[in-house]
Amino acid sequence: MEFLQLFVSGLANGSVYGLIALGFVLIYKATESVNFAQGDFMMFGAFIALWLTNTEYMGLPFWIAAPMAMAAMGLLGYLLDVTIIRRMFGQSQTAVVILTIALGFVIRFFAGVFWGHEPQTLQSPLAVGDVTIGGVVLGMADVTIIVVTALLTFSLFQFFKHTKLGLAMQAASQNQMAAYYMGIPVKRVQGFIWALSGVVAAVAGILFASKGAIDPNAGMLGIKAFAAAVIGGFGSLPGALVGGLIIGVIEPFAARYLPAGYSQMAPYVLLLLVLVFRPHGLFSQVRTKKV
């Protein structure tokens, strides 16, 4: 019974990692860049939802505040692309990485100044009640996180595989010049994907804050999410989810059965093993580029 309880708890945490990892993969699939501020996007989206819902701030109903927070993060992602990321066109990937790392520090600083550094709780109806299945107690927040993550991953996978816009995004990432000559509005496509990444981050933040307290340092979860994206295979949406679930499941078992101090190393040991034995990830998508 303890095994199942740890496993389910790990699935819920892993789903949050998977959602953040989806943001990494979305931007990579469209631009072949890595946004190391994705975890901070998640944290900021959670704080926007908290600001809108908590009575000491705006006091809006959750079902109104949540879409508003997602829209705000989508707008933030789009504006970041228009005002900052596009100015990096032609620069090395290292420059973009450094820029997004610095952006993460700025977001954490702003969140700390505006909302403080003390943990705060989102007033969410998703956290109300428990479900007991075969002796395993599941919080409604955990169930919601798992279900929403699975549905969102499936929807995004279908979007990239079967829609013209999704195919245009992949074409733009593989060869921007060729995509431009084929009539694809490359800049508009990249702006849309940054906006979509912001929306996904907001969903992850709202779900994470529904499960527990949120503070500016929660953005550091992006490190584990990046590891999840690498383990699953950068460029693979299902791989991002699977990588997040693997890390999420490993953590509670490592905390339970490994000596104190070693449990936090478990996800990164797994990352090292994957990089050594399967460098392109478990769901590798290495293939010839095409437009």
Foldseek 3Di string as FASTA:
>chain_A
DVLVQLLLQLLLQLLLLLLLLLLQQLLCLQAVAGQLLSLLLLQLLLVQLQQCCDPVHNNDDSVVSLVVSLQVLLVVLLVCLVPPVVVCPPPDSVVVHVVNVVVNVVSLVVQCVPPNFDWDAHPDPQQPDWDADPNHIGGSLSVVSNVVSVVVLVVVVCCLPPDPLNVLSNLCNLPVVVSVVVVRPSSVSSSNSSSVSSSSSSVSNNSVSSNHTGGSCSSVSSVQSNLQCQQLFRNRSVSSSVSSSVLSSQQSVLVVPPDPPCSVCVSVVSSVVCCVPPVRHPNRDDDDDDD
